[in-house]
Protein backbone atom coordinates (compact mmCIF):
# COMPACT_ATOMS: atom_id res chain seq x y z
CA MET A 1 181.91 46.91 237.95
CA LEU A 2 181.86 49.68 240.40
CA PHE A 3 184.90 52.24 240.84
CA ASN A 4 185.90 50.15 243.64
CA THR A 5 186.44 47.01 242.63
CA PHE A 6 189.11 45.19 242.12
CA GLU A 7 188.34 44.31 238.24
CA PHE A 8 187.69 48.06 237.79
CA ILE A 9 191.20 49.15 239.43
CA PHE A 10 193.42 46.63 238.65
CA ILE A 11 191.98 45.42 235.23
CA PHE A 12 189.84 47.76 233.23
CA LEU A 13 191.25 51.23 234.33
CA PRO A 14 194.72 50.23 232.80
CA LEU A 15 194.04 48.49 230.23
CA THR A 16 191.65 51.45 228.83
CA LEU A 17 194.19 53.86 229.59
CA ILE A 18 197.19 51.70 227.90
CA ILE A 19 195.32 50.94 225.09
CA TYR A 20 194.13 54.53 223.80
CA PHE A 21 197.68 56.41 224.33
CA LEU A 22 198.91 53.81 222.76
CA LEU A 23 196.58 53.71 219.89
CA ASN A 24 196.87 57.55 219.92
CA LYS A 25 200.61 57.53 220.33
CA PHE A 26 200.68 55.86 216.78
CA LYS A 27 198.80 58.79 215.35
CA LEU A 28 195.72 56.46 215.24
CA VAL A 29 192.86 58.94 216.46
CA LYS A 30 189.96 57.15 215.78
CA ILE A 31 190.46 54.37 216.39
CA ALA A 32 191.23 55.57 219.89
CA THR A 33 188.27 57.26 220.06
CA ALA A 34 186.47 53.87 218.56
CA TRP A 35 188.29 52.32 221.37
CA LEU A 36 187.38 54.48 224.15
CA VAL A 37 183.26 54.27 223.03
CA LEU A 38 183.97 49.97 223.07
CA ALA A 39 185.89 50.38 226.68
CA SER A 40 182.51 52.46 228.03
CA LEU A 41 179.98 50.66 226.07
CA PHE A 42 181.42 47.47 227.59
CA TYR A 43 181.64 49.22 231.20
CA TYR A 44 177.72 50.04 231.50
CA SER A 45 176.63 46.91 229.52
CA TYR A 46 179.18 44.62 232.24
CA TRP A 47 175.43 44.26 234.98
CA LYS A 48 173.70 43.82 232.30
CA LEU A 49 174.01 43.42 228.98
CA ASP A 50 169.86 44.41 227.74
CA TYR A 51 171.15 47.77 228.85
CA LEU A 52 173.39 48.23 225.58
CA PRO A 53 170.25 48.35 222.89
CA ILE A 54 168.58 50.87 225.05
CA ILE A 55 170.98 53.48 225.15
CA LEU A 56 172.60 52.44 221.63
CA ALA A 57 169.05 53.53 220.32
CA SER A 58 169.09 56.75 222.24
CA MET A 59 172.14 57.82 220.55
CA ILE A 60 170.83 57.21 217.24
CA PHE A 61 167.74 58.58 217.68
CA ASN A 62 169.11 61.77 219.20
CA TYR A 63 171.88 62.32 216.66
CA ALA A 64 169.88 61.95 213.98
CA ILE A 65 167.70 64.79 215.26
CA GLY A 66 170.73 67.01 216.67
CA SER A 67 172.35 66.36 213.44
CA THR A 68 169.18 67.35 211.25
CA LEU A 69 168.59 70.66 213.30
CA SER A 70 172.00 71.92 213.17
CA ASN A 71 171.95 71.65 209.28
CA GLU A 72 169.41 73.74 207.90
CA THR A 73 169.73 72.42 204.34
CA LYS A 74 169.17 69.28 205.38
CA LEU A 75 165.98 69.96 206.62
CA LYS A 76 162.44 69.07 204.87
CA ILE A 77 159.91 69.51 207.92
CA ASN A 78 159.14 72.02 210.51
CA ARG A 79 162.20 72.52 212.96
CA ARG A 80 160.30 73.43 215.99
CA LEU A 81 158.06 69.98 215.38
CA LEU A 82 161.23 67.98 215.01
CA LEU A 83 162.69 69.48 218.29
CA ILE A 84 159.04 68.80 219.86
CA PHE A 85 159.24 65.33 218.57
CA GLY A 86 162.64 64.59 220.00
CA ILE A 87 161.78 65.76 223.73
CA LEU A 88 159.19 63.87 223.55
CA GLY A 89 160.93 61.09 222.42
CA ASN A 90 163.40 61.20 225.38
CA VAL A 91 160.79 61.31 227.94
CA PHE A 92 159.06 58.93 226.50
CA LEU A 93 161.48 56.61 227.28
CA LEU A 94 162.35 57.85 230.97
CA ALA A 95 159.03 58.12 231.84
CA TYR A 96 158.14 54.36 230.55
CA PHE A 97 160.82 52.53 231.87
CA LYS A 98 160.44 54.31 235.65
CA TYR A 99 157.05 55.00 235.76
CA PHE A 100 155.04 52.54 233.73
CA ASP A 101 154.58 50.09 236.13
CA PHE A 102 153.90 52.85 238.98
CA VAL A 103 150.77 53.88 236.43
CA LEU A 104 149.75 50.12 236.40
CA TYR A 105 149.59 49.88 239.59
CA ASN A 106 147.82 52.79 240.26
CA LEU A 107 145.45 51.74 238.01
CA ASN A 108 144.70 48.34 239.75
CA LEU A 109 144.46 50.37 242.78
CA ILE A 110 141.73 53.09 241.29
CA PHE A 111 139.35 51.02 238.85
CA HIS A 112 139.85 47.52 240.92
CA GLN A 113 141.68 46.09 237.82
CA ASN A 114 144.13 43.25 237.15
CA PHE A 115 146.72 44.62 235.05
CA ASN A 116 149.66 42.43 234.52
CA TYR A 117 152.78 44.55 235.41
CA SER A 118 155.83 44.48 232.66
CA ASN A 119 158.64 43.94 235.49
CA LEU A 120 160.71 46.61 233.28
CA LEU A 121 164.53 46.22 233.73
CA LEU A 122 165.68 50.22 234.76
CA PRO A 123 168.37 50.83 232.45
CA LEU A 124 171.21 52.36 234.33
CA ALA A 125 172.12 55.94 233.92
CA ILE A 126 168.94 56.36 232.14
CA SER A 127 167.93 59.70 233.48
CA PHE A 128 171.60 60.91 233.04
CA PHE A 129 172.20 60.00 229.11
CA THR A 130 168.50 61.31 228.37
CA PHE A 131 169.34 64.66 229.90
CA GLN A 132 172.58 65.14 228.51
CA GLN A 133 171.01 64.64 225.00
CA ILE A 134 167.63 66.46 225.37
CA ALA A 135 170.34 69.36 225.76
CA TYR A 136 172.03 68.71 222.96
CA ILE A 137 168.92 68.53 220.44
CA VAL A 138 167.99 71.60 222.25
CA ASP A 139 171.38 73.53 221.39
CA SER A 140 171.19 71.82 217.54
CA TYR A 141 167.94 73.70 217.22
CA GLU A 142 168.94 77.14 218.46
CA GLY A 143 172.27 76.49 216.53
CA LYS A 144 174.48 76.16 219.44
CA THR A 145 176.32 72.72 218.05
CA LYS A 146 178.56 71.79 215.01
CA GLU A 147 178.19 68.68 212.67
CA TYR A 148 179.97 66.56 215.20
CA ASP A 149 180.68 62.49 213.56
CA PHE A 150 179.05 60.34 215.35
CA LEU A 151 181.75 58.68 216.51
CA THR A 152 183.07 61.53 218.71
CA TYR A 153 179.41 62.12 219.85
CA ALA A 154 179.03 58.84 221.01
CA LEU A 155 182.24 59.26 223.50
CA PHE A 156 180.46 62.49 224.42
CA VAL A 157 177.44 60.36 225.77
CA THR A 158 179.28 56.95 226.64
CA PHE A 159 182.26 58.35 228.46
CA PHE A 160 182.45 55.89 231.53
CA PRO A 161 183.61 57.84 233.81
CA GLN A 162 180.67 59.86 234.03
CA LEU A 163 178.26 57.64 232.64
CA ILE A 164 176.67 56.18 235.46
CA ALA A 165 176.22 58.79 238.52
CA GLY A 166 177.30 61.81 236.85
CA PRO A 167 178.04 64.54 236.26
CA ILE A 168 175.41 65.61 233.70
CA VAL A 169 178.18 66.53 230.94
CA HIS A 170 177.49 68.95 228.46
CA HIS A 171 178.44 69.16 224.33
CA LYS A 172 179.87 72.23 224.72
CA GLU A 173 182.41 71.36 227.36
CA MET A 174 183.31 67.76 226.81
CA ILE A 175 183.19 67.62 222.72
CA PRO A 176 186.15 70.24 222.36
CA GLN A 177 188.02 68.57 225.15
CA PHE A 178 187.66 64.96 222.95
CA GLU A 179 189.06 66.72 219.75
CA ASN A 180 192.03 68.28 221.25
CA LEU A 181 194.85 66.86 220.17
CA ARG A 182 196.74 67.88 222.53
CA ASN A 183 194.86 65.82 224.83
CA ARG A 184 195.63 62.48 224.06
CA ILE A 185 199.19 62.74 225.05
CA VAL A 186 199.85 61.13 228.19
CA ASN A 187 200.39 64.54 230.70
CA TYR A 188 201.69 63.53 233.67
CA LYS A 189 200.81 66.40 235.99
CA ASN A 190 196.82 65.70 235.06
CA MET A 191 197.88 61.42 236.04
CA SER A 192 199.07 62.15 239.12
CA ILE A 193 196.19 64.62 240.03
CA GLY A 194 193.72 62.34 238.80
CA LEU A 195 195.86 59.25 240.51
CA LEU A 196 195.44 61.61 244.15
CA LEU A 197 191.53 62.62 243.24
CA PHE A 198 191.03 58.74 242.76
CA ALA A 199 192.59 57.75 245.44
CA ILE A 200 190.44 60.88 248.13
CA GLY A 201 187.45 59.09 246.70
CA LEU A 202 188.04 55.84 246.98
CA PHE A 203 189.01 56.55 250.76
CA LYS A 204 185.75 58.14 251.01
CA LYS A 205 183.87 55.67 249.54
CA VAL A 206 185.60 52.32 251.15
CA ILE A 207 186.95 53.20 254.05
CA ILE A 208 184.20 55.90 255.56
CA ALA A 209 181.24 55.46 253.62
CA ASP A 210 180.82 51.93 253.52
CA PHE A 211 181.85 51.98 257.48
CA LEU A 212 179.14 54.24 257.91
CA SER A 213 176.62 52.08 255.96
CA HIS A 214 177.32 49.28 257.78
CA ILE A 215 176.29 51.12 261.20
CA ALA A 216 173.11 52.60 259.55
CA LEU A 217 172.06 49.37 258.37
CA THR A 218 172.82 47.37 261.52
CA GLY A 219 171.00 50.57 263.41
CA PHE A 220 168.10 50.47 260.87
CA GLU A 221 167.05 46.55 261.33
CA ASN A 222 167.28 47.25 264.93
CA ALA A 223 165.46 50.62 265.03
CA VAL A 224 162.57 49.18 267.32
CA ASN A 225 165.41 48.43 270.16
CA LEU A 226 167.28 51.32 269.50
CA SER A 227 167.88 54.14 272.68
CA PHE A 228 167.55 57.76 271.89
CA VAL A 229 171.24 58.40 271.69
CA GLU A 230 171.73 55.48 269.30
CA SER A 231 168.69 56.63 266.79
CA TRP A 232 170.63 59.73 266.65
CA PHE A 233 173.84 57.95 266.23
CA THR A 234 171.98 55.61 263.43
CA ILE A 235 170.78 58.95 261.63
CA PHE A 236 173.67 61.10 261.62
CA SER A 237 175.65 57.39 259.94
CA TYR A 238 173.27 56.89 257.33
CA THR A 239 173.48 61.31 256.96
CA PHE A 240 177.05 60.99 256.46
CA GLN A 241 176.96 57.85 254.45
CA ILE A 242 175.54 59.42 251.46
CA PHE A 243 177.37 62.36 251.76
CA TYR A 244 180.47 60.36 251.55
CA ASP A 245 179.33 58.04 248.95
CA PHE A 246 178.01 61.04 246.79
CA SER A 247 181.54 62.82 247.54
CA GLY A 248 183.45 60.10 246.83
CA TYR A 249 182.16 59.00 243.54
CA THR A 250 182.27 62.37 242.35
CA ASP A 251 186.28 63.00 243.30
CA MET A 252 187.17 59.35 241.39
CA ALA A 253 185.26 59.85 238.43
CA ARG A 254 186.63 63.85 237.80
CA GLY A 255 190.15 61.85 239.19
CA ILE A 256 189.69 59.34 235.76
CA GLY A 257 188.87 62.30 233.93
CA TYR A 258 192.06 63.37 234.44
CA MET A 259 194.01 60.38 233.40
CA PHE A 260 192.36 60.76 230.66
CA ASN A 261 193.34 65.06 230.20
CA ILE A 262 189.46 65.45 230.40
CA GLU A 263 188.04 68.05 232.93
CA LEU A 264 184.88 66.82 234.29
CA PRO A 265 182.44 69.77 235.68
CA GLN A 266 182.55 69.90 239.41
CA ASN A 267 179.60 68.12 241.00
CA PHE A 268 179.25 68.45 244.61
CA ASN A 269 180.28 71.29 246.88
CA ASN A 270 180.03 70.87 250.58
CA PRO A 271 176.15 70.72 250.72
CA TYR A 272 176.02 70.36 254.18
CA ILE A 273 177.25 73.63 255.24
CA SER A 274 174.78 75.49 253.03
CA VAL A 275 173.01 77.96 255.07
CA ASP A 276 169.46 77.35 253.32
CA ILE A 277 167.69 74.67 250.90
CA GLN A 278 168.27 77.09 248.12
CA GLU A 279 172.17 76.82 248.47
CA PHE A 280 171.91 73.00 249.67
CA TRP A 281 170.10 72.18 246.25
CA ARG A 282 172.29 74.24 244.15
CA LYS A 283 175.55 72.07 246.18
CA TRP A 284 174.51 68.71 246.19
CA HIS A 285 174.18 67.67 242.39
CA ILE A 286 175.45 70.84 240.68
CA THR A 287 174.79 69.76 237.12
CA LEU A 288 171.37 68.61 237.58
CA SER A 289 170.62 71.47 239.06
CA ARG A 290 172.29 73.58 236.17
CA PHE A 291 170.74 71.16 233.52
CA LEU A 292 167.04 72.09 235.13
CA ARG A 293 167.30 75.78 235.30
CA ASP A 294 168.76 76.03 231.38
CA TYR A 295 166.90 73.43 229.88
CA ILE A 296 163.27 73.68 232.01
CA TYR A 297 163.13 76.38 234.65
CA ILE A 298 164.63 79.82 232.49
CA PRO A 299 162.31 78.59 229.12
CA LEU A 300 159.94 78.20 230.82
CA GLY A 301 159.62 81.38 232.38
CA GLY A 302 162.00 80.92 235.59
CA ASN A 303 162.73 84.87 236.89
CA ARG A 304 161.31 86.30 233.80
CA LEU A 305 164.99 84.96 232.43
CA GLY A 306 162.85 83.43 229.68
CA GLY A 307 165.74 83.57 227.10
CA GLY A 308 165.46 79.89 226.62
CA THR A 309 164.08 77.68 223.72
CA ASN A 310 160.22 77.94 223.74
CA ILE A 311 158.59 75.23 221.89
CA LEU A 312 155.81 76.24 223.15
């Protein structure tokens, strides 16, 4: 159920919005939060129900680790060991689903073996919700989190506008918005901004990106017969298809967020007008760059700013 499908635009989104704000109107705040979590989990598992146990297990595991780290009075073991265990658990989950068959393939190739492939199903958005939760447990270790209830934490992880393709959100920028009671009342200004952003993103995706996708696919399928001009036309079509796909999806995600009075972080900022590859990287997937900088690069001593977490 992509953002540009009829079932999402005319059934799922309006139904989720109406019920969410109605529940809040009658001051059923916890039930409204539960409804949004359930709607997000339904959205996530719509493609395949097998995805659901994976994200649920990941949330329970990380919530338990983070809650224990953030409340030292409960802790009976070494905090650093618990943090390492939590990070390794997340990395193992990610590596297992993404690279297990790849490793088997190379082992078969190198050692002339015939290990059977597992044909693992790669869960949707596993990188996004794993990175978000690694950041959460690291911040819990550093004392930068509060003791959130599980329902609020689950909404932070599963909020459907950002769940499938980002942005990678941070607990300190999202959970306060979810807890703000004023954000649970219909805001017609935000609703208008959200609808406009969603419409712009939908236009980029459906009218521009999908049209260019057809041209690029036709060109690649007949690559050996293309002239010089047709080859470049195909390349540029593919280049701008990717641009408008990601840009459109980002706009739609932020637009839906505004409809719920939630401001998602900017994740895309015209990378094609960058002056160098470094600027391009920073502008293409902004929140991924932020995560890699704050939770990998700096803690490992990048630019000698190593003020981040040191678990070694």
